[in-house]
């Protein structure tokens, strides 16, 4: 199937888009469009929750000075 899509579509990105479109249409024609929409909603919800938690952790780490240099006044011995 991947070879057929690659021959039909050309690039890898176009192959992914075509495969997603075919899968979506097959779900809709089989009468499972509601389940596909629910799955997409759940994936989006989890992705947003993960992104929010990552943002909070990164913000707290920056506020706590995690990325600050330990000895800012010393020179690097390799720069001599």
PDB file of N, CA and C in Angstrom:
ATOM      1  N   UNK A   1       0.832  -1.191   0.000  1.00  0.00           N
ATOM      2  CA  UNK A   1       0.000   0.000   0.000  1.00  0.00           C
ATOM      3  C   UNK A   1       0.876   1.254   0.000  1.00  0.00           C
ATOM      4  N   UNK A   2       1.992   1.221   0.742  1.00  0.00           N
ATOM      5  CA  UNK A   2       2.873   2.383   0.797  1.00  0.00           C
ATOM      6  C   UNK A   2       3.492   2.650  -0.568  1.00  0.00           C
ATOM      7  N   UNK A   3       3.876   1.615  -1.266  1.00  0.00           N
ATOM      8  CA  UNK A   3       4.447   1.803  -2.600  1.00  0.00           C
ATOM      9  C   UNK A   3       3.406   2.380  -3.557  1.00  0.00           C
ATOM     10  N   UNK A   4       2.180   1.900  -3.471  1.00  0.00           N
ATOM     11  CA  UNK A   4       1.104   2.424  -4.318  1.00  0.00           C
ATOM     12  C   UNK A   4       0.877   3.909  -4.030  1.00  0.00           C
ATOM     13  N   UNK A   5       0.845   4.266  -2.758  1.00  0.00           N
ATOM     14  CA  UNK A   5       0.659   5.670  -2.416  1.00  0.00           C
ATOM     15  C   UNK A   5       1.847   6.520  -2.856  1.00  0.00           C
ATOM     16  N   UNK A   6       3.056   5.985  -2.738  1.00  0.00           N
ATOM     17  CA  UNK A   6       4.236   6.732  -3.161  1.00  0.00           C
ATOM     18  C   UNK A   6       4.238   6.962  -4.666  1.00  0.00           C
ATOM     19  N   UNK A   7       3.816   5.961  -5.412  1.00  0.00           N
ATOM     20  CA  UNK A   7       3.734   6.114  -6.871  1.00  0.00           C
ATOM     21  C   UNK A   7       2.626   7.103  -7.232  1.00  0.00           C
ATOM     22  N   UNK A   8       1.502   7.019  -6.538  1.00  0.00           N
ATOM     23  CA  UNK A   8       0.358   7.871  -6.846  1.00  0.00           C
ATOM     24  C   UNK A   8       0.596   9.314  -6.419  1.00  0.00           C
ATOM     25  N   UNK A   9       1.128   9.509  -5.228  1.00  0.00           N
ATOM     26  CA  UNK A   9       1.220  10.850  -4.647  1.00  0.00           C
ATOM     27  C   UNK A   9       2.565  11.519  -4.893  1.00  0.00           C
ATOM     28  N   UNK A  10       3.627  10.758  -4.878  1.00  0.00           N
ATOM     29  CA  UNK A  10       4.939  11.342  -5.098  1.00  0.00           C
ATOM     30  C   UNK A  10       5.738  11.468  -3.823  1.00  0.00           C
ATOM     31  N   UNK A  11       5.541  12.553  -3.088  1.00  0.00           N
ATOM     32  CA  UNK A  11       6.371  12.818  -1.919  1.00  0.00           C
ATOM     33  C   UNK A  11       5.848  12.088  -0.690  1.00  0.00           C
ATOM     34  N   UNK A  12       6.682  12.068   0.345  1.00  0.00           N
ATOM     35  CA  UNK A  12       6.299  11.400   1.587  1.00  0.00           C
ATOM     36  C   UNK A  12       5.158  12.137   2.266  1.00  0.00           C
ATOM     37  N   UNK A  13       5.234  13.455   2.307  1.00  0.00           N
ATOM     38  CA  UNK A  13       4.174  14.245   2.929  1.00  0.00           C
ATOM     39  C   UNK A  13       2.840  14.063   2.237  1.00  0.00           C
ATOM     40  N   UNK A  14       2.861  14.056   0.922  1.00  0.00           N
ATOM     41  CA  UNK A  14       1.623  13.840   0.176  1.00  0.00           C
ATOM     42  C   UNK A  14       1.082  12.441   0.413  1.00  0.00           C
ATOM     43  N   UNK A  15       1.966  11.476   0.585  1.00  0.00           N
ATOM     44  CA  UNK A  15       1.535  10.109   0.879  1.00  0.00           C
ATOM     45  C   UNK A  15       0.830  10.049   2.220  1.00  0.00           C
ATOM     46  N   UNK A  16       1.374  10.731   3.235  1.00  0.00           N
ATOM     47  CA  UNK A  16       0.733  10.747   4.545  1.00  0.00           C
ATOM     48  C   UNK A  16      -0.637  11.410   4.491  1.00  0.00           C
ATOM     49  N   UNK A  17      -0.732  12.519   3.772  1.00  0.00           N
ATOM     50  CA  UNK A  17      -2.011  13.225   3.666  1.00  0.00           C
ATOM     51  C   UNK A  17      -3.029  12.362   2.933  1.00  0.00           C
ATOM     52  N   UNK A  18      -2.611  11.704   1.872  1.00  0.00           N
ATOM     53  CA  UNK A  18      -3.519  10.843   1.123  1.00  0.00           C
ATOM     54  C   UNK A  18      -3.975   9.660   1.970  1.00  0.00           C
ATOM     55  N   UNK A  19      -3.060   9.058   2.714  1.00  0.00           N
ATOM     56  CA  UNK A  19      -3.432   7.935   3.572  1.00  0.00           C
ATOM     57  C   UNK A  19      -4.403   8.386   4.657  1.00  0.00           C
ATOM     58  N   UNK A  20      -4.182   9.563   5.233  1.00  0.00           N
ATOM     59  CA  UNK A  20      -5.100  10.082   6.244  1.00  0.00           C
ATOM     60  C   UNK A  20      -6.474  10.367   5.638  1.00  0.00           C
ATOM     61  N   UNK A  21      -6.499  10.912   4.428  1.00  0.00           N
ATOM     62  CA  UNK A  21      -7.781  11.188   3.764  1.00  0.00           C
ATOM     63  C   UNK A  21      -8.527   9.898   3.447  1.00  0.00           C
ATOM     64  N   UNK A  22      -7.818   8.892   2.963  1.00  0.00           N
ATOM     65  CA  UNK A  22      -8.458   7.606   2.656  1.00  0.00           C
ATOM     66  C   UNK A  22      -9.007   6.969   3.928  1.00  0.00           C
ATOM     67  N   UNK A  23      -8.233   7.010   5.014  1.00  0.00           N
ATOM     68  CA  UNK A  23      -8.691   6.442   6.276  1.00  0.00           C
ATOM     69  C   UNK A  23      -9.915   7.185   6.797  1.00  0.00           C
ATOM     70  N   UNK A  24      -9.897   8.500   6.713  1.00  0.00           N
ATOM     71  CA  UNK A  24     -11.039   9.289   7.176  1.00  0.00           C
ATOM     72  C   UNK A  24     -12.286   8.978   6.357  1.00  0.00           C
ATOM     73  N   UNK A  25     -12.135   8.893   5.052  1.00  0.00           N
ATOM     74  CA  UNK A  25     -13.292   8.568   4.210  1.00  0.00           C
ATOM     75  C   UNK A  25     -13.815   7.162   4.479  1.00  0.00           C
ATOM     76  N   UNK A  26     -12.928   6.210   4.695  1.00  0.00           N
ATOM     77  CA  UNK A  26     -13.375   4.852   5.004  1.00  0.00           C
ATOM     78  C   UNK A  26     -14.125   4.808   6.333  1.00  0.00           C
ATOM     79  N   UNK A  27     -13.656   5.527   7.336  1.00  0.00           N
ATOM     80  CA  UNK A  27     -14.381   5.598   8.607  1.00  0.00           C
ATOM     81  C   UNK A  27     -15.757   6.215   8.400  1.00  0.00           C
ATOM     82  N   UNK A  28     -15.827   7.299   7.617  1.00  0.00           N
ATOM     83  CA  UNK A  28     -17.107   7.973   7.397  1.00  0.00           C
ATOM     84  C   UNK A  28     -18.078   7.082   6.628  1.00  0.00           C
ATOM     85  N   UNK A  29     -17.595   6.402   5.585  1.00  0.00           N
ATOM     86  CA  UNK A  29     -18.464   5.540   4.792  1.00  0.00           C
ATOM     87  C   UNK A  29     -18.916   4.313   5.573  1.00  0.00           C
ATOM     88  N   UNK A  30     -18.115   3.873   6.531  1.00  0.00           N
ATOM     89  CA  UNK A  30     -18.485   2.720   7.353  1.00  0.00           C
ATOM     90  C   UNK A  30     -19.427   3.112   8.489  1.00  0.00           C
ATOM     91  N   UNK A  31     -19.684   4.385   8.653  1.00  0.00           N
ATOM     92  CA  UNK A  31     -20.608   4.837   9.683  1.00  0.00           C
ATOM     93  C   UNK A  31     -19.949   5.080  11.029  1.00  0.00           C
ATOM     94  N   UNK A  32     -18.634   5.229  11.053  1.00  0.00           N
ATOM     95  CA  UNK A  32     -17.916   5.434  12.306  1.00  0.00           C
ATOM     96  C   UNK A  32     -17.273   6.822  12.375  1.00  0.00           C
ATOM     97  N   UNK A  33     -17.893   7.795  11.751  1.00  0.00           N
ATOM     98  CA  UNK A  33     -17.332   9.150  11.751  1.00  0.00           C
ATOM     99  C   UNK A  33     -17.354   9.748  13.154  1.00  0.00           C
ATOM    100  N   UNK A  34     -18.367   9.403  13.942  1.00  0.00           N
ATOM    101  CA  UNK A  34     -18.454   9.917  15.304  1.00  0.00           C
ATOM    102  C   UNK A  34     -17.315   9.414  16.175  1.00  0.00           C
ATOM    103  N   UNK A  35     -16.983   8.128  16.026  1.00  0.00           N
ATOM    104  CA  UNK A  35     -15.878   7.571  16.802  1.00  0.00           C
ATOM    105  C   UNK A  35     -14.547   8.190  16.381  1.00  0.00           C
ATOM    106  N   UNK A  36     -14.380   8.450  15.087  1.00  0.00           N
ATOM    107  CA  UNK A  36     -13.153   9.088  14.606  1.00  0.00           C
ATOM    108  C   UNK A  36     -13.043  10.510  15.135  1.00  0.00           C
ATOM    109  N   UNK A  37     -14.143  11.242  15.147  1.00  0.00           N
ATOM    110  CA  UNK A  37     -14.130  12.601  15.686  1.00  0.00           C
ATOM    111  C   UNK A  37     -13.834  12.587  17.184  1.00  0.00           C
ATOM    112  N   UNK A  38     -14.400  11.624  17.905  1.00  0.00           N
ATOM    113  CA  UNK A  38     -14.130  11.513  19.337  1.00  0.00           C
ATOM    114  C   UNK A  38     -12.663  11.182  19.590  1.00  0.00           C
ATOM    115  N   UNK A  39     -12.102  10.283  18.785  1.00  0.00           N
ATOM    116  CA  UNK A  39     -10.687   9.942  18.931  1.00  0.00           C
ATOM    117  C   UNK A  39      -9.805  11.154  18.645  1.00  0.00           C
ATOM    118  N   UNK A  40     -10.133  11.930  17.619  1.00  0.00           N
ATOM    119  CA  UNK A  40      -9.363  13.134  17.308  1.00  0.00           C
ATOM    120  C   UNK A  40      -9.468  14.148  18.445  1.00  0.00           C
ATOM    121  N   UNK A  41     -10.644  14.263  19.036  1.00  0.00           N
ATOM    122  CA  UNK A  41     -10.828  15.179  20.163  1.00  0.00           C
ATOM    123  C   UNK A  41     -10.001  14.750  21.373  1.00  0.00           C
ATOM    124  N   UNK A  42     -10.002  13.456  21.661  1.00  0.00           N
ATOM    125  CA  UNK A  42      -9.235  12.950  22.807  1.00  0.00           C
ATOM    126  C   UNK A  42      -7.744  13.151  22.578  1.00  0.00           C
ATOM    127  N   UNK A  43      -7.264  12.894  21.366  1.00  0.00           N
ATOM    128  CA  UNK A  43      -5.845  13.108  21.065  1.00  0.00           C
ATOM    129  C   UNK A  43      -5.486  14.589  21.210  1.00  0.00           C
ATOM    130  N   UNK A  44      -6.332  15.471  20.716  1.00  0.00           N
ATOM    131  CA  UNK A  44      -6.076  16.903  20.838  1.00  0.00           C
ATOM    132  C   UNK A  44      -6.097  17.336  22.304  1.00  0.00           C
ATOM    133  N   UNK A  45      -7.018  16.792  23.083  1.00  0.00           N
ATOM    134  CA  UNK A  45      -7.114  17.121  24.501  1.00  0.00           C
ATOM    135  C   UNK A  45      -5.851  16.691  25.247  1.00  0.00           C
ATOM    136  N   UNK A  46      -5.375  15.471  24.998  1.00  0.00           N
ATOM    137  CA  UNK A  46      -4.159  14.986  25.650  1.00  0.00           C
ATOM    138  C   UNK A  46      -2.943  15.790  25.207  1.00  0.00           C
ATOM    139  N   UNK A  47      -2.893  16.152  23.940  1.00  0.00           N
ATOM    140  CA  UNK A  47      -1.761  16.943  23.449  1.00  0.00           C
ATOM    141  C   UNK A  47      -1.731  18.321  24.100  1.00  0.00           C
ATOM    142  N   UNK A  48      -2.884  18.950  24.230  1.00  0.00           N
ATOM    143  CA  UNK A  48      -2.937  20.253  24.880  1.00  0.00           C
ATOM    144  C   UNK A  48      -2.582  20.151  26.363  1.00  0.00           C
ATOM    145  N   UNK A  49      -3.042  19.094  27.020  1.00  0.00           N
ATOM    146  CA  UNK A  49      -2.700  18.910  28.437  1.00  0.00           C
ATOM    147  C   UNK A  49      -1.200  18.693  28.604  1.00  0.00           C
ATOM    148  N   UNK A  50      -0.599  17.875  27.740  1.00  0.00           N
ATOM    149  CA  UNK A  50       0.841  17.644  27.800  1.00  0.00           C
ATOM    150  C   UNK A  50       1.598  18.945  27.550  1.00  0.00           C
ATOM    151  N   UNK A  51       1.181  19.701  26.551  1.00  0.00           N
ATOM    152  CA  UNK A  51       1.833  20.969  26.246  1.00  0.00           C
ATOM    153  C   UNK A  51       1.726  21.953  27.398  1.00  0.00           C
ATOM    154  N   UNK A  52       0.569  21.997  28.063  1.00  0.00           N
ATOM    155  CA  UNK A  52       0.399  22.907  29.189  1.00  0.00           C
ATOM    156  C   UNK A  52       1.297  22.504  30.358  1.00  0.00           C
ATOM    157  N   UNK A  53       1.345  21.209  30.669  1.00  0.00           N
ATOM    158  CA  UNK A  53       2.206  20.740  31.771  1.00  0.00           C
ATOM    159  C   UNK A  53       3.671  21.007  31.444  1.00  0.00           C
ATOM    160  N   UNK A  54       4.085  20.749  30.205  1.00  0.00           N
ATOM    161  CA  UNK A  54       5.462  21.025  29.802  1.00  0.00           C
ATOM    162  C   UNK A  54       5.774  22.515  29.919  1.00  0.00           C
ATOM    163  N   UNK A  55       4.840  23.366  29.527  1.00  0.00           N
ATOM    164  CA  UNK A  55       5.025  24.813  29.628  1.00  0.00           C
ATOM    165  C   UNK A  55       5.180  25.249  31.081  1.00  0.00           C
ATOM    166  N   UNK A  56       4.362  24.705  31.965  1.00  0.00           N
ATOM    167  CA  UNK A  56       4.443  25.062  33.383  1.00  0.00           C
ATOM    168  C   UNK A  56       5.782  24.618  33.967  1.00  0.00           C
ATOM    169  N   UNK A  57       6.217  23.392  33.643  1.00  0.00           N
ATOM    170  CA  UNK A  57       7.497  22.895  34.148  1.00  0.00           C
ATOM    171  C   UNK A  57       8.652  23.749  33.614  1.00  0.00           C
ATOM    172  N   UNK A  58       8.623  24.088  32.337  1.00  0.00           N
ATOM    173  CA  UNK A  58       9.678  24.919  31.761  1.00  0.00           C
ATOM    174  C   UNK A  58       9.686  26.312  32.387  1.00  0.00           C
ATOM    175  N   UNK A  59       8.517  26.869  32.632  1.00  0.00           N
ATOM    176  CA  UNK A  59       8.428  28.192  33.259  1.00  0.00           C
ATOM    177  C   UNK A  59       8.982  28.163  34.677  1.00  0.00           C
ATOM    178  N   UNK A  60       8.602  27.146  35.448  1.00  0.00           N
ATOM    179  CA  UNK A  60       9.097  27.032  36.818  1.00  0.00           C
ATOM    180  C   UNK A  60      10.600  26.779  36.850  1.00  0.00           C
ATOM    181  N   UNK A  61      11.103  25.989  35.917  1.00  0.00           N
ATOM    182  CA  UNK A  61      12.547  25.731  35.857  1.00  0.00           C
ATOM    183  C   UNK A  61      13.304  27.010  35.523  1.00  0.00           C
ATOM    184  N   UNK A  62      12.775  27.791  34.610  1.00  0.00           N
ATOM    185  CA  UNK A  62      13.433  29.056  34.260  1.00  0.00           C
ATOM    186  C   UNK A  62      13.368  30.037  35.432  1.00  0.00           C
ATOM    187  N   UNK A  63      12.226  30.086  36.100  1.00  0.00           N
ATOM    188  CA  UNK A  63      12.086  30.983  37.247  1.00  0.00           C
ATOM    189  C   UNK A  63      12.996  30.552  38.391  1.00  0.00           C
ATOM    190  N   UNK A  64      13.241  29.256  38.526  1.00  0.00           N
ATOM    191  CA  UNK A  64      14.115  28.751  39.576  1.00  0.00           C
ATOM    192  C   UNK A  64      15.586  28.861  39.253  1.00  0.00           C
ATOM    193  N   UNK A  65      15.925  29.267  38.061  1.00  0.00           N
ATOM    194  CA  UNK A  65      17.315  29.455  37.682  1.00  0.00           C
ATOM    195  C   UNK A  65      18.032  28.175  37.303  1.00  0.00           C
ATOM    196  N   UNK A  66      17.322  27.216  36.771  1.00  0.00           N
ATOM    197  CA  UNK A  66      17.937  25.943  36.407  1.00  0.00           C
ATOM    198  C   UNK A  66      18.963  26.119  35.293  1.00  0.00           C
ATOM    199  N   UNK A  67      18.732  27.040  34.385  1.00  0.00           N
ATOM    200  CA  UNK A  67      19.616  27.200  33.237  1.00  0.00           C
ATOM    201  C   UNK A  67      20.725  28.218  33.466  1.00  0.00           C
ATOM    202  N   UNK A  68      20.805  28.780  34.659  1.00  0.00           N
ATOM    203  CA  UNK A  68      21.853  29.753  34.951  1.00  0.00           C
ATOM    204  C   UNK A  68      23.190  29.043  35.109  1.00  0.00           C
ATOM    205  N   UNK A  69      24.293  29.675  34.703  1.00  0.00           N
ATOM    206  CA  UNK A  69      25.606  29.040  34.872  1.00  0.00           C
ATOM    207  C   UNK A  69      25.977  28.930  36.348  1.00  0.00           C
ATOM    208  N   UNK A  70      26.702  27.879  36.696  1.00  0.00           N
ATOM    209  CA  UNK A  70      27.068  27.641  38.094  1.00  0.00           C
ATOM    210  C   UNK A  70      28.113  28.652  38.551  1.00  0.00           C
ATOM    211  N   UNK A  71      29.172  28.844  37.777  1.00  0.00           N
ATOM    212  CA  UNK A  71      30.243  29.787  38.093  1.00  0.00           C
ATOM    213  C   UNK A  71      30.350  30.811  36.962  1.00  0.00           C
ATOM    214  N   UNK A  72      29.554  31.870  36.977  1.00  0.00           N
ATOM    215  CA  UNK A  72      29.580  32.793  35.848  1.00  0.00           C
ATOM    216  C   UNK A  72      30.838  33.634  35.771  1.00  0.00           C
ATOM    217  N   UNK A  73      31.611  33.764  36.867  1.00  0.00           N
ATOM    218  CA  UNK A  73      32.788  34.617  36.848  1.00  0.00           C
ATOM    219  C   UNK A  73      34.045  33.931  36.362  1.00  0.00           C
ATOM    220  N   UNK A  74      34.070  32.611  36.297  1.00  0.00           N
ATOM    221  CA  UNK A  74      35.285  31.919  35.905  1.00  0.00           C
ATOM    222  C   UNK A  74      35.376  31.778  34.404  1.00  0.00           C
ATOM    223  N   UNK A  75      36.608  31.731  33.911  1.00  0.00           N
ATOM    224  CA  UNK A  75      36.817  31.543  32.478  1.00  0.00           C
ATOM    225  C   UNK A  75      36.919  30.079  32.147  1.00  0.00           C
ATOM    226  N   UNK A  76      36.593  29.760  30.930  1.00  0.00           N
ATOM    227  CA  UNK A  76      36.722  28.398  30.466  1.00  0.00           C
ATOM    228  C   UNK A  76      38.195  28.110  30.199  1.00  0.00           C
ATOM    229  N   UNK A  77      38.761  27.004  30.730  1.00  0.00           N
ATOM    230  CA  UNK A  77      40.188  26.730  30.526  1.00  0.00           C
ATOM    231  C   UNK A  77      40.553  26.510  29.060  1.00  0.00           C
ATOM    232  N   UNK A  78      39.598  26.173  28.239  1.00  0.00           N
ATOM    233  CA  UNK A  78      39.908  25.940  26.825  1.00  0.00           C
ATOM    234  C   UNK A  78      40.010  27.252  26.047  1.00  0.00           C
ATOM    235  N   UNK A  79      39.509  28.356  26.612  1.00  0.00           N
ATOM    236  CA  UNK A  79      39.567  29.646  25.917  1.00  0.00           C
ATOM    237  C   UNK A  79      40.887  30.388  26.119  1.00  0.00           C
ATOM    238  N   UNK A  80      41.817  29.851  26.884  1.00  0.00           N
ATOM    239  CA  UNK A  80      43.077  30.547  27.200  1.00  0.00           C
ATOM    240  C   UNK A  80      43.994  30.573  26.007  1.00  0.00           C
TER     241      UNK A  80
END
